N, C-alpha and C. Protein backbone atom coordinates (compact mmCIF):
# COMPACT_ATOMS: atom_id res chain seq x y z
N SER A 1 1.16 -0.46 0.53
CA SER A 1 0.03 0.49 -0.23
C SER A 1 0.59 1.45 0.00
N ILE A 2 0.47 2.33 -0.29
CA ILE A 2 0.84 4.08 -0.93
C ILE A 2 -0.05 5.06 0.05
N VAL A 3 0.68 5.25 1.06
CA VAL A 3 -0.64 6.54 1.19
C VAL A 3 0.40 8.27 0.59
N CYS A 4 -0.37 8.93 0.04
CA CYS A 4 -0.10 9.80 -0.36
C CYS A 4 -0.91 11.08 0.46
N LYS A 5 0.42 12.04 1.83
CA LYS A 5 -0.45 12.88 1.70
C LYS A 5 -1.06 13.94 1.26
N GLY A 6 -1.27 14.90 1.43
CA GLY A 6 -2.44 15.83 1.05
C GLY A 6 -2.78 16.61 1.40
N GLN A 7 -3.67 17.70 0.64
CA GLN A 7 -4.89 17.94 1.01
C GLN A 7 -6.29 17.04 1.26
N VAL A 8 -6.64 16.96 -0.28
CA VAL A 8 -6.28 14.91 0.53
C VAL A 8 -5.77 13.89 0.02
N ASP A 9 -5.62 13.25 0.84
CA ASP A 9 -4.45 11.59 1.31
C ASP A 9 -5.46 11.00 0.04
N THR A 10 -3.90 9.41 -0.27
CA THR A 10 -4.85 8.72 -1.52
C THR A 10 -4.02 7.85 -0.89
N ILE A 11 -4.90 6.65 -0.47
CA ILE A 11 -4.27 5.64 -0.34
C ILE A 11 -4.40 4.55 -1.90
N CYS A 12 -3.10 3.84 -1.81
CA CYS A 12 -3.23 2.68 -3.15
C CYS A 12 -2.66 1.29 -2.82
N THR A 13 -3.44 0.95 -3.05
CA THR A 13 -2.94 -0.78 -2.91
C THR A 13 -3.85 -2.25 -4.09
N SER A 14 -3.09 -2.19 -4.47
CA SER A 14 -2.81 -3.72 -5.96
C SER A 14 -4.15 -2.30 -6.04
N GLY A 15 -3.88 -1.20 -6.98
CA GLY A 15 -4.84 -0.53 -8.26
C GLY A 15 -5.78 -0.08 -7.59
N HIS A 16 -6.18 -0.88 -5.92
CA HIS A 16 -7.51 0.29 -5.58
C HIS A 16 -6.72 1.49 -4.50
N ILE A 17 -7.87 2.28 -4.97
CA ILE A 17 -7.66 3.82 -4.34
C ILE A 17 -9.35 3.98 -3.31
N LEU A 18 -8.37 4.81 -2.47
CA LEU A 18 -9.23 5.32 -1.94
C LEU A 18 -8.78 6.76 -1.54
N LYS A 19 -9.73 7.97 -1.63
CA LYS A 19 -9.11 9.12 -1.07
C LYS A 19 -10.06 9.54 0.13
N CYS A 20 -8.63 9.99 1.65
CA CYS A 20 -9.60 10.57 2.92
C CYS A 20 -9.36 11.92 2.32
N SER A 21 -10.92 12.92 2.69
CA SER A 21 -10.77 14.11 2.42
C SER A 21 -10.82 14.64 3.83
N ALA A 22 -10.82 14.17 5.10
CA ALA A 22 -11.31 14.45 6.03
C ALA A 22 -10.84 15.96 6.45
N GLU A 23 -11.14 16.36 7.14
CA GLU A 23 -10.64 18.40 7.28
C GLU A 23 -9.45 17.82 8.39
N GLY A 24 -9.06 18.66 8.13
CA GLY A 24 -8.02 18.88 8.54
C GLY A 24 -7.23 20.13 8.84
N SER A 25 -6.19 21.11 8.83
CA SER A 25 -6.31 22.29 9.05
C SER A 25 -4.97 22.61 8.00
N SER A 26 -4.78 23.64 8.01
CA SER A 26 -3.34 24.71 7.11
C SER A 26 -2.55 24.35 8.16
N ARG A 27 -2.03 24.01 9.23
CA ARG A 27 -0.83 24.14 10.36
C ARG A 27 -0.60 22.36 10.09
N ARG A 28 1.06 23.22 9.91
CA ARG A 28 1.53 21.19 9.91
C ARG A 28 3.05 21.50 10.70
N VAL A 29 3.17 20.07 11.37
CA VAL A 29 4.18 20.60 12.70
C VAL A 29 5.00 19.27 12.58
N GLY A 30 6.23 19.30 12.68
CA GLY A 30 6.91 18.35 12.81
C GLY A 30 6.19 16.85 13.59
N GLY A 31 6.18 15.77 13.11
CA GLY A 31 5.72 14.84 13.99
C GLY A 31 5.07 14.60 13.83
N GLN A 32 4.16 15.05 12.46
CA GLN A 32 2.59 14.54 12.51
C GLN A 32 2.32 13.33 11.31
N GLY A 33 4.07 14.01 10.88
CA GLY A 33 4.23 12.11 9.67
C GLY A 33 4.28 10.58 10.63
N ASP A 34 4.45 11.15 11.72
CA ASP A 34 5.46 10.31 12.44
C ASP A 34 3.58 9.87 13.52
N ILE A 35 2.70 10.41 13.52
CA ILE A 35 1.22 10.12 14.74
C ILE A 35 0.51 9.21 13.00
N LEU A 36 0.54 9.94 11.93
CA LEU A 36 0.25 8.78 11.29
C LEU A 36 0.57 7.33 10.78
N SER A 37 1.98 7.54 10.28
CA SER A 37 2.47 6.10 10.52
C SER A 37 2.63 5.37 11.94
N GLY A 38 2.26 5.61 12.80
CA GLY A 38 1.65 4.27 13.95
C GLY A 38 0.48 4.80 14.29
N SER A 39 -0.70 5.72 13.08
CA SER A 39 -1.67 4.85 13.19
C SER A 39 -2.11 3.62 12.28
N LEU A 40 -0.74 3.74 11.29
CA LEU A 40 -1.16 3.33 9.74
C LEU A 40 -0.82 1.96 10.34
N GLY A 41 0.35 1.58 11.07
CA GLY A 41 0.46 0.59 12.07
C GLY A 41 -0.65 0.00 12.97
N LEU A 42 -1.07 0.62 13.78
CA LEU A 42 -2.38 0.38 14.53
C LEU A 42 -3.70 -0.29 13.41
N PHE A 43 -4.23 0.51 12.94
CA PHE A 43 -5.11 -0.05 12.05
C PHE A 43 -4.35 -1.38 11.02
N ALA A 44 -2.73 -1.84 10.36
CA ALA A 44 -2.66 -2.59 9.98
C ALA A 44 -2.64 -3.55 10.96
N HIS A 45 -2.87 -3.57 11.69
CA HIS A 45 -2.34 -4.38 12.85
C HIS A 45 -4.23 -5.54 13.01
N TRP A 46 -5.23 -4.39 13.14
CA TRP A 46 -5.78 -4.75 13.67
C TRP A 46 -7.04 -5.55 11.42
N ALA A 47 -6.12 -4.96 11.10
CA ALA A 47 -7.32 -4.90 9.87
C ALA A 47 -6.61 -6.30 9.18
N LYS A 48 -5.33 -7.18 9.75
CA LYS A 48 -4.41 -8.26 9.37
C LYS A 48 -5.99 -9.45 10.30
N SER A 49 -6.13 -8.92 11.68
CA SER A 49 -6.38 -9.40 12.85
C SER A 49 -7.65 -9.72 12.70
N SER A 50 -7.86 -8.99 12.14
CA SER A 50 -9.82 -9.48 11.58
C SER A 50 -10.32 -9.89 11.41
N GLY A 51 -8.99 -11.30 10.71
CA GLY A 51 -10.09 -12.05 9.75
C GLY A 51 -10.79 -12.25 8.81
N ILE A 52 -11.15 -11.23 8.33
CA ILE A 52 -12.54 -10.89 7.16
C ILE A 52 -11.32 -11.21 6.36
N THR A 53 -11.88 -12.17 5.42
CA THR A 53 -10.80 -12.28 3.95
C THR A 53 -12.00 -11.92 2.53
N ASN A 54 -13.66 -11.68 3.02
CA ASN A 54 -14.42 -11.30 1.75
C ASN A 54 -14.38 -10.04 1.67
N SER A 55 -13.95 -8.75 1.54
CA SER A 55 -13.86 -7.53 1.45
C SER A 55 -13.52 -6.92 0.07
N ASP A 56 -14.87 -5.87 -0.50
CA ASP A 56 -13.92 -5.74 -1.61
C ASP A 56 -13.09 -4.55 -1.53
N ILE A 57 -12.87 -3.50 -1.02
CA ILE A 57 -11.78 -2.99 -0.66
C ILE A 57 -10.92 -4.17 0.13
N PRO A 58 -9.80 -3.60 -0.41
CA PRO A 58 -8.52 -4.26 0.89
C PRO A 58 -7.87 -3.49 2.21
N LEU A 59 -8.24 -5.09 2.98
CA LEU A 59 -7.75 -4.55 4.59
C LEU A 59 -6.77 -3.22 4.91
N GLN A 60 -6.02 -3.46 3.80
CA GLN A 60 -4.78 -2.52 3.60
C GLN A 60 -4.88 -0.83 3.40
N SER A 61 -6.14 -1.01 2.33
CA SER A 61 -6.18 0.47 2.01
C SER A 61 -7.46 0.92 3.64
N VAL A 62 -8.49 0.21 3.65
CA VAL A 62 -8.97 0.29 4.59
C VAL A 62 -7.74 0.96 6.51
N ALA A 63 -7.33 -0.06 6.35
CA ALA A 63 -6.24 0.68 7.62
C ALA A 63 -5.64 1.85 7.25
N GLY A 64 -5.07 2.45 6.22
CA GLY A 64 -4.23 3.14 5.42
C GLY A 64 -5.85 5.28 5.70
N TYR A 65 -6.78 4.18 5.08
CA TYR A 65 -7.62 5.46 5.51
C TYR A 65 -8.49 6.08 6.50
N ALA A 66 -8.47 4.49 7.73
CA ALA A 66 -8.47 4.97 8.83
C ALA A 66 -7.34 6.18 9.46
N ALA A 67 -6.57 5.32 9.58
CA ALA A 67 -5.01 6.29 10.19
C ALA A 67 -4.73 7.72 8.74
N CYS A 68 -5.49 8.10 8.28
CA CYS A 68 -5.58 9.01 7.27
C CYS A 68 -6.41 10.22 8.17
N ALA A 69 -7.95 9.56 8.33
CA ALA A 69 -8.83 10.60 8.99
C ALA A 69 -8.09 10.52 9.94
N VAL A 70 -8.11 8.97 11.01
CA VAL A 70 -6.92 10.02 12.56
C VAL A 70 -6.91 11.05 12.71
N THR A 71 -5.76 10.88 11.78
CA THR A 71 -4.53 12.05 11.85
C THR A 71 -5.07 13.00 10.92
N LYS A 72 -6.02 13.09 10.29
CA LYS A 72 -6.04 14.41 10.27
C LYS A 72 -7.40 15.28 10.60
N ILE A 73 -8.38 14.73 11.58
CA ILE A 73 -9.44 14.73 12.45
C ILE A 73 -8.30 15.35 13.86
N ALA A 74 -7.28 14.44 14.43
CA ALA A 74 -6.97 14.79 15.10
C ALA A 74 -6.46 16.56 15.25
N ASN A 75 -5.60 16.58 13.61
CA ASN A 75 -4.67 17.62 13.41
C ASN A 75 -5.67 19.04 13.42
N ASN A 76 -7.47 18.83 13.25
CA ASN A 76 -8.35 19.72 13.33
C ASN A 76 -8.96 20.19 15.01
N LEU A 77 -9.12 18.79 15.53
CA LEU A 77 -9.22 19.11 16.96
C LEU A 77 -8.39 20.26 17.17
N THR A 78 -7.27 19.92 17.51
CA THR A 78 -5.74 20.44 17.49
C THR A 78 -5.89 22.45 17.12
N PHE A 79 -6.24 22.32 16.43
CA PHE A 79 -6.05 23.42 14.94
C PHE A 79 -7.13 24.62 15.73
N SER A 80 -8.21 23.63 16.22
CA SER A 80 -9.75 24.87 16.65
C SER A 80 -9.20 24.60 18.06
N GLU A 81 -8.97 24.69 18.38
CA GLU A 81 -8.03 24.84 20.12
C GLU A 81 -6.85 25.65 20.17
N LYS A 82 -5.67 25.54 19.83
CA LYS A 82 -4.69 25.62 20.17
C LYS A 82 -4.22 27.00 18.69
N GLY A 83 -4.82 26.76 17.26
CA GLY A 83 -4.46 27.72 16.27
C GLY A 83 -2.88 27.46 15.97
N ARG A 84 -2.35 28.67 15.66
CA ARG A 84 -0.81 28.15 14.80
C ARG A 84 0.13 28.07 16.42
N SER A 85 -0.81 28.23 17.92
CA SER A 85 0.56 27.59 18.38
C SER A 85 0.86 26.51 18.64
N MET A 86 0.02 24.89 17.84
CA MET A 86 -0.28 23.76 18.22
C MET A 86 1.54 23.33 17.76
N ILE A 87 1.13 21.89 18.63
CA ILE A 87 2.79 21.26 18.68
C ILE A 87 2.68 19.84 18.46
N THR A 88 2.97 19.07 18.45
CA THR A 88 3.01 17.40 18.10
C THR A 88 2.58 17.07 19.45
N SER A 89 2.51 17.55 20.41
CA SER A 89 2.06 15.89 21.56
C SER A 89 0.39 16.62 22.04
N ASP A 90 0.13 17.98 21.08
CA ASP A 90 -1.16 18.96 21.50
C ASP A 90 -1.69 17.83 20.33
N ILE A 91 -1.86 18.00 19.17
CA ILE A 91 -2.65 16.73 18.32
C ILE A 91 -2.56 14.98 19.38
N ILE A 92 -1.45 14.32 19.51
CA ILE A 92 -1.22 13.78 20.49
C ILE A 92 -2.52 13.16 21.57
N ASP A 93 -2.29 14.70 22.11
CA ASP A 93 -3.13 15.04 22.71
C ASP A 93 -5.59 14.92 21.90
N LYS A 94 -5.65 15.27 21.21
CA LYS A 94 -6.44 14.93 20.94
C LYS A 94 -6.80 13.52 20.10
N LEU A 95 -6.07 12.18 19.79
CA LEU A 95 -5.91 11.24 18.91
C LEU A 95 -7.00 10.97 19.61
N HIS A 96 -7.69 10.66 21.16
CA HIS A 96 -8.54 9.31 21.64
C HIS A 96 -9.80 10.07 21.02
N ALA A 97 -9.99 11.61 20.96
CA ALA A 97 -11.41 11.84 20.40
C ALA A 97 -11.34 11.66 18.83
N ALA A 98 -10.37 11.71 17.74
CA ALA A 98 -9.82 11.52 16.90
C ALA A 98 -11.02 10.00 16.69
N PHE A 99 -10.11 9.06 17.47
CA PHE A 99 -10.24 7.50 17.06
C PHE A 99 -11.39 7.15 16.95
N GLU A 100 -12.32 8.10 18.53
CA GLU A 100 -14.12 8.06 18.78
C GLU A 100 -14.16 8.59 17.57
N LYS A 101 -14.24 9.47 17.06
CA LYS A 101 -14.72 9.89 15.74
C LYS A 101 -15.15 9.02 14.74
N VAL A 102 -13.80 9.01 13.83
CA VAL A 102 -13.20 7.75 12.82
C VAL A 102 -14.47 6.36 13.45
N THR A 103 -14.41 5.84 14.14
CA THR A 103 -14.77 4.36 14.69
C THR A 103 -16.03 4.18 14.55
N SER A 104 -16.75 5.66 15.83
CA SER A 104 -18.69 6.27 15.49
C SER A 104 -18.50 6.08 13.39
N LEU A 105 -17.96 6.48 13.49
CA LEU A 105 -18.87 6.38 11.59
C LEU A 105 -19.05 4.62 11.31
N THR A 106 -17.98 3.76 11.77
CA THR A 106 -18.90 2.10 10.98
C THR A 106 -19.94 2.00 12.38
N ASP A 107 -20.47 2.74 13.38
CA ASP A 107 -22.21 2.05 13.76
C ASP A 107 -23.01 2.38 13.25
N GLU A 108 -22.87 3.59 12.79
CA GLU A 108 -23.94 4.51 12.22
C GLU A 108 -24.86 3.01 11.30
């Protein structure tokens, strides 16, 4: 899988493409890519451990989408509170809320 960060993140796995347009912010901080890669590792592990084998969308793409969405939403929540003075640890503080928001989308 390849994850290309941008205003709209693109996740490509074996020719299957997903786009994540969750709202982030115009502020980028050092370490934000580390948050994305750590989230990607978590979601990739969960996807592999899920036992799902009949998905129309590659599970690696789903993991990539979830990681991008969590990172962007945490960034947006942080920017809404801290503005341009935000730093990476502020984003980390918002990961739980972002995670809850992303995982609640599947419950609707």
